[in-house]
Amino acid sequence: MIKDALSRERYAHTSEAIDFAALAGRRIGVIGAGASAFDNAATALEHGAAVVDLYCRRPKLPVINPNRWIEFTGFLRHFGDLDDAMKWRFMKLIFDMNQPPPQDAFERCARFDNFTLHLDSPIQSLALAQDVIQLKNTAGSDKCGLPPSGHRFRYRLRGASGARSHRTADRALVGPLPAAGRRGESLLSAYPYLSPYFQFTERVPGAAPYLKNIFCYTYAAMPSLACTAGISQLKFGARPHGFGITRRAFSWATRIVTLRACAITREPELDTSAFEAARRYPASTRAHRVSR
């Protein structure tokens, strides 16, 4: 929606390098209410933005972080062993609860009188009119300057042609069919279905065997394995991820390094020359020859 309505210099994603000094004296709109959205809103305020409006889809900010609950060994190490229906139930609950912004980032914004939090305000449309961004949400219309958007990333695997493959990385977790329009289930369905080693999997077995060579160690792994590249999960996810890569590399190598290659190896490791020399010339003989 944003990129279709605005020229590239009028918006930025929170993951990008933003020139916050250039926002001084301007009215800024931030779309999203996650950690990065609040962090960027606070940074804009601290750099002298005249007004910062933050738009949140939810009627209230979440205050409980379900990700704190899941950070124990049993869950992170063995979530991948659960059946798909139970994975779905866990992730549906976690996604619906969502995470609150960090307390520090929220307070950095809240201390500014020129900061406004717009709850229950999903963006419906936006357009540029007379060099001002006109933004429409469920509460009505508003105006803002450059919006650092804080939306979620979606994960898609594209083939060599650039077209999305209907057989590949968008296979949803097996479970209840997503109900149309219900937030959380439709989002969950967009995540890829990964192997225990973080490999993409085929929708139709045998249709895209190359997928086993592609590994995904990002937040996209959350519904399948509950382990992402986050700090708390690294010790549980890095090992099977690395194991999967070396396992696959070895499997690929066996097509080239054959049994014959193993059989013809000629690199010696054992040196028996001293032992053999001693047997040819016993110690008594050697001593006798020396005395003469």
Protein backbone atom coordinates (compact mmCIF):
# COMPACT_ATOMS: atom_id res chain seq x y z
CA MET A 1 0.00 0.00 0.00
CA ILE A 2 2.71 2.48 1.00
CA LYS A 3 5.04 1.90 -1.93
CA ASP A 4 2.15 2.12 -4.39
CA ALA A 5 0.98 5.47 -3.03
CA LEU A 6 4.22 7.28 -2.22
CA SER A 7 7.52 8.05 -3.87
CA ARG A 8 10.48 6.26 -2.34
CA GLU A 9 11.91 9.32 -0.56
CA ARG A 10 8.67 9.82 1.41
CA TYR A 11 8.79 6.62 3.45
CA ALA A 12 11.23 4.21 5.08
CA HIS A 13 11.07 0.82 6.74
CA THR A 14 12.29 0.58 10.31
CA SER A 15 15.02 -1.80 9.19
CA GLU A 16 16.55 0.86 6.95
CA ALA A 17 19.05 3.57 7.80
CA ILE A 18 16.95 6.67 8.46
CA ASP A 19 18.28 10.23 8.52
CA PHE A 20 16.51 11.27 11.73
CA ALA A 21 18.15 14.68 11.76
CA ALA A 22 16.28 15.47 8.54
CA LEU A 23 12.98 14.84 10.36
CA ALA A 24 13.44 17.76 12.75
CA GLY A 25 10.45 20.10 12.71
CA ARG A 26 8.30 17.70 10.68
CA ARG A 27 5.17 15.70 11.48
CA ILE A 28 5.93 12.02 11.31
CA GLY A 29 3.65 9.01 11.08
CA VAL A 30 4.77 5.60 12.31
CA ILE A 31 2.71 2.62 11.18
CA GLY A 32 3.00 -0.29 13.59
CA ALA A 33 3.34 -0.74 17.34
CA GLY A 34 6.17 -3.22 17.77
CA ALA A 35 9.61 -2.73 19.27
CA SER A 36 11.15 -1.21 16.14
CA ALA A 37 8.18 1.11 15.57
CA PHE A 38 8.42 2.58 19.09
CA ASP A 39 12.20 2.76 18.88
CA ASN A 40 12.07 4.73 15.63
CA ALA A 41 9.28 6.97 16.92
CA ALA A 42 11.35 7.76 20.01
CA THR A 43 14.45 8.46 17.93
CA ALA A 44 12.49 10.84 15.69
CA LEU A 45 11.18 12.69 18.77
CA GLU A 46 14.66 12.91 20.26
CA HIS A 47 15.92 14.41 17.00
CA GLY A 48 13.37 17.21 17.11
CA ALA A 49 10.37 15.94 15.15
CA ALA A 50 7.50 18.42 15.63
CA VAL A 51 4.81 15.73 16.00
CA VAL A 52 4.93 11.95 15.93
CA ASP A 53 1.76 9.89 15.47
CA LEU A 54 2.00 6.12 15.95
CA TYR A 55 -0.82 4.02 14.49
CA CYS A 56 -1.68 0.64 16.00
CA ARG A 57 -4.24 -1.84 14.66
CA ARG A 58 -5.05 -3.29 18.05
CA PRO A 59 -7.59 -1.66 20.38
CA LYS A 60 -4.95 -1.76 23.12
CA LEU A 61 -1.27 -2.50 23.38
CA PRO A 62 -0.35 -6.01 24.55
CA VAL A 63 1.24 -5.98 27.99
CA ILE A 64 2.13 -9.67 28.37
CA ASN A 65 5.00 -11.15 26.39
CA PRO A 66 4.29 -14.83 25.56
CA ASN A 67 7.83 -15.22 24.25
CA ARG A 68 9.10 -14.94 27.82
CA TRP A 69 7.06 -17.99 28.73
CA ILE A 70 8.40 -20.15 25.91
CA GLU A 71 12.05 -19.52 26.77
CA PHE A 72 12.68 -22.77 28.59
CA THR A 73 14.66 -25.78 27.47
CA GLY A 74 11.81 -28.24 27.03
CA PHE A 75 9.82 -25.98 24.72
CA LEU A 76 12.64 -24.63 22.58
CA ARG A 77 14.51 -27.92 22.22
CA HIS A 78 11.53 -30.20 21.63
CA PHE A 79 8.78 -28.06 20.10
CA GLY A 80 9.67 -29.51 16.71
CA ASP A 81 8.75 -32.98 18.02
CA LEU A 82 5.11 -31.99 18.54
CA ASP A 83 2.50 -33.01 15.99
CA ASP A 84 1.38 -30.32 13.56
CA ALA A 85 -2.00 -29.76 15.18
CA MET A 86 -0.40 -28.99 18.54
CA LYS A 87 2.18 -26.71 16.89
CA TRP A 88 -0.67 -24.82 15.28
CA ARG A 89 -2.50 -24.39 18.59
CA PHE A 90 0.59 -23.09 20.36
CA MET A 91 1.53 -20.64 17.61
CA LYS A 92 -2.01 -19.41 17.10
CA LEU A 93 -2.14 -18.51 20.80
CA ILE A 94 1.31 -16.86 20.76
CA PHE A 95 0.63 -14.88 17.58
CA ASP A 96 -2.72 -13.65 18.87
CA MET A 97 -1.16 -12.48 22.13
CA ASN A 98 1.68 -10.72 20.29
CA GLN A 99 4.56 -8.95 22.05
CA PRO A 100 4.46 -5.58 23.78
CA PRO A 101 7.02 -2.94 22.90
CA PRO A 102 9.95 -2.73 25.34
CA GLN A 103 9.20 -0.65 28.43
CA ASP A 104 12.16 1.61 27.72
CA ALA A 105 11.09 2.36 24.13
CA PHE A 106 7.52 3.08 25.23
CA GLU A 107 8.67 5.49 27.96
CA ARG A 108 11.02 7.27 25.55
CA CYS A 109 7.95 8.14 23.49
CA ALA A 110 5.51 8.75 26.34
CA ARG A 111 7.61 11.53 27.88
CA PHE A 112 7.02 13.73 24.82
CA ASP A 113 3.79 15.76 24.74
CA ASN A 114 3.99 15.85 20.95
CA PHE A 115 3.67 12.05 20.74
CA THR A 116 0.24 10.52 20.09
CA LEU A 117 -0.62 6.83 20.17
CA HIS A 118 -3.58 5.98 17.89
CA LEU A 119 -5.08 2.66 19.03
CA ASP A 120 -7.59 0.68 16.98
CA SER A 121 -6.39 2.58 13.91
CA PRO A 122 -5.48 0.24 11.06
CA ILE A 123 -4.45 2.17 7.97
CA GLN A 124 -7.02 1.88 5.18
CA SER A 125 -5.42 4.11 2.57
CA LEU A 126 -2.91 6.88 2.09
CA ALA A 127 -2.04 9.32 -0.68
CA LEU A 128 0.14 12.34 -1.36
CA ALA A 129 -1.74 15.61 -1.79
CA GLN A 130 -0.06 19.03 -2.00
CA ASP A 131 3.18 17.54 -0.72
CA VAL A 132 1.43 16.22 2.40
CA ILE A 133 0.67 12.56 3.09
CA GLN A 134 -3.06 12.09 3.60
CA LEU A 135 -3.62 9.05 5.75
CA LYS A 136 -6.99 7.40 6.33
CA ASN A 137 -7.75 4.97 9.13
CA THR A 138 -10.87 3.72 10.86
CA ALA A 139 -10.99 6.88 12.98
CA GLY A 140 -10.99 9.20 9.98
CA SER A 141 -8.33 11.13 8.07
CA ASP A 142 -4.98 12.46 9.22
CA LYS A 143 -1.87 14.09 7.82
CA CYS A 144 1.76 13.23 8.39
CA GLY A 145 5.21 13.51 6.91
CA LEU A 146 7.66 10.66 6.40
CA PRO A 147 6.35 7.42 7.95
CA PRO A 148 8.87 4.88 9.23
CA SER A 149 6.64 1.85 8.70
CA GLY A 150 6.96 -0.99 11.18
CA HIS A 151 5.08 -3.75 9.40
CA ARG A 152 5.91 -7.44 9.52
CA PHE A 153 7.97 -9.16 6.90
CA ARG A 154 6.29 -11.85 4.81
CA TYR A 155 8.30 -14.86 3.67
CA ARG A 156 8.15 -16.08 0.11
CA LEU A 157 10.46 -18.30 -1.91
CA ARG A 158 10.79 -17.35 -5.56
CA GLY A 159 12.07 -19.46 -8.41
CA ALA A 160 14.67 -18.46 -10.98
CA SER A 161 11.99 -16.73 -13.04
CA GLY A 162 10.96 -14.58 -10.08
CA ALA A 163 7.48 -16.08 -9.96
CA ARG A 164 6.25 -17.45 -6.67
CA SER A 165 6.16 -21.22 -6.64
CA HIS A 166 2.81 -22.67 -5.62
CA ARG A 167 4.45 -25.89 -4.52
CA THR A 168 7.22 -24.73 -2.30
CA ALA A 169 7.93 -22.63 0.73
CA ASP A 170 4.45 -21.40 1.57
CA ARG A 171 3.19 -24.76 2.83
CA ALA A 172 1.28 -23.99 6.02
CA LEU A 173 1.33 -26.08 9.14
CA VAL A 174 -1.22 -28.84 9.02
CA GLY A 175 -4.16 -27.99 11.25
CA PRO A 176 -7.52 -26.25 11.18
CA LEU A 177 -8.08 -24.42 7.92
CA PRO A 178 -7.54 -20.69 8.39
CA ALA A 179 -10.81 -18.83 8.81
CA ALA A 180 -11.06 -16.00 6.28
CA GLY A 181 -10.52 -12.60 7.81
CA ARG A 182 -9.40 -13.84 11.22
CA ARG A 183 -6.11 -12.18 12.08
CA GLY A 184 -3.49 -14.59 13.30
CA GLU A 185 -4.64 -17.65 11.40
CA SER A 186 -4.18 -16.08 7.97
CA LEU A 187 -0.79 -14.74 9.09
CA LEU A 188 0.23 -18.11 10.46
CA SER A 189 -0.72 -19.79 7.19
CA ALA A 190 1.77 -17.62 5.33
CA TYR A 191 4.77 -19.10 7.16
CA PRO A 192 6.81 -21.89 5.55
CA TYR A 193 6.79 -25.46 6.79
CA LEU A 194 10.36 -26.40 7.69
CA SER A 195 12.12 -29.69 8.32
CA PRO A 196 13.67 -30.40 11.75
CA TYR A 197 16.91 -29.02 10.27
CA PHE A 198 15.38 -25.72 9.08
CA GLN A 199 15.06 -26.78 5.44
CA PHE A 200 12.21 -25.65 3.24
CA THR A 201 9.89 -28.53 2.37
CA GLU A 202 7.83 -29.44 -0.64
CA ARG A 203 4.10 -29.08 -0.82
CA VAL A 204 4.02 -32.11 -3.12
CA PRO A 205 6.71 -34.70 -2.31
CA GLY A 206 9.13 -35.02 -5.20
CA ALA A 207 7.94 -31.85 -6.97
CA ALA A 208 10.75 -29.57 -5.81
CA PRO A 209 13.66 -31.64 -4.45
CA TYR A 210 16.01 -28.64 -4.59
CA LEU A 211 14.27 -27.18 -1.54
CA LYS A 212 16.18 -29.47 0.81
CA ASN A 213 19.27 -27.44 -0.13
CA ILE A 214 17.75 -24.18 1.16
CA PHE A 215 17.81 -23.47 4.89
CA CYS A 216 15.83 -20.82 6.73
CA TYR A 217 17.12 -19.76 10.14
CA THR A 218 14.99 -16.63 10.63
CA TYR A 219 11.74 -15.72 12.38
CA ALA A 220 10.01 -17.69 9.63
CA ALA A 221 11.06 -20.84 11.51
CA MET A 222 8.92 -19.93 14.51
CA PRO A 223 5.74 -21.96 13.71
CA SER A 224 7.67 -25.07 12.69
CA LEU A 225 10.42 -25.19 15.32
CA ALA A 226 9.89 -22.30 17.80
CA CYS A 227 13.54 -21.44 17.26
CA THR A 228 14.66 -18.36 15.41
CA ALA A 229 17.99 -16.55 15.24
CA GLY A 230 17.13 -14.74 18.47
CA ILE A 231 19.55 -14.69 21.38
CA SER A 232 17.48 -16.92 23.68
CA GLN A 233 16.98 -19.58 21.01
CA LEU A 234 20.48 -19.72 19.54
CA LYS A 235 21.75 -22.57 21.69
CA PHE A 236 18.70 -24.66 20.75
CA GLY A 237 18.44 -23.79 17.06
CA ALA A 238 22.03 -23.31 15.91
CA ARG A 239 23.03 -26.93 16.52
CA PRO A 240 20.29 -28.64 14.43
CA HIS A 241 20.65 -25.91 11.83
CA GLY A 242 24.40 -26.54 11.51
CA PHE A 243 23.84 -30.31 11.68
CA GLY A 244 21.34 -30.05 8.82
CA ILE A 245 23.75 -28.10 6.65
CA THR A 246 26.65 -30.53 7.15
CA ARG A 247 24.28 -33.49 6.76
CA ARG A 248 23.05 -32.15 3.46
CA ALA A 249 26.56 -31.22 2.30
CA PHE A 250 27.77 -34.77 3.00
CA SER A 251 24.79 -36.25 1.18
CA TRP A 252 25.58 -34.07 -1.82
CA ALA A 253 29.29 -34.91 -1.69
CA THR A 254 28.62 -38.67 -1.83
CA ARG A 255 27.43 -38.21 -5.41
CA ILE A 256 30.94 -37.04 -6.32
CA VAL A 257 33.22 -38.69 -3.73
CA THR A 258 32.47 -42.31 -4.56
CA LEU A 259 33.49 -45.59 -2.99
CA ARG A 260 36.30 -45.79 -5.54
CA ALA A 261 37.73 -42.48 -4.32
CA CYS A 262 37.82 -43.92 -0.83
CA ALA A 263 39.44 -47.15 -2.03
CA ILE A 264 42.30 -45.47 -3.91
CA THR A 265 43.38 -43.10 -1.16
CA ARG A 266 47.14 -43.53 -0.60
CA GLU A 267 48.03 -41.20 2.24
CA PRO A 268 50.08 -43.24 4.80
CA GLU A 269 49.55 -42.70 8.49
CA LEU A 270 51.45 -45.61 10.13
CA ASP A 271 55.26 -45.86 9.92
CA THR A 272 56.56 -49.38 10.70
CA SER A 273 60.07 -48.96 9.28
CA ALA A 274 61.81 -48.86 12.70
CA PHE A 275 60.02 -52.01 13.81
CA GLU A 276 60.86 -53.84 10.59
CA ALA A 277 64.52 -52.79 10.77
CA ALA A 278 64.77 -54.11 14.32
CA ARG A 279 63.40 -57.47 13.22
CA ARG A 280 65.91 -57.73 10.37
CA TYR A 281 68.83 -56.88 12.67
CA PRO A 282 68.29 -58.26 16.20
CA ALA A 283 69.94 -56.34 19.02
CA SER A 284 72.51 -59.10 19.81
CA THR A 285 73.68 -59.16 16.23
CA ARG A 286 74.01 -55.43 16.07
CA ALA A 287 76.03 -55.43 19.32
CA HIS A 288 78.37 -58.17 18.05
CA ARG A 289 79.06 -56.34 14.84
CA VAL A 290 79.80 -53.15 16.74
CA SER A 291 82.31 -54.91 19.10
CA ARG A 292 84.26 -56.29 16.17
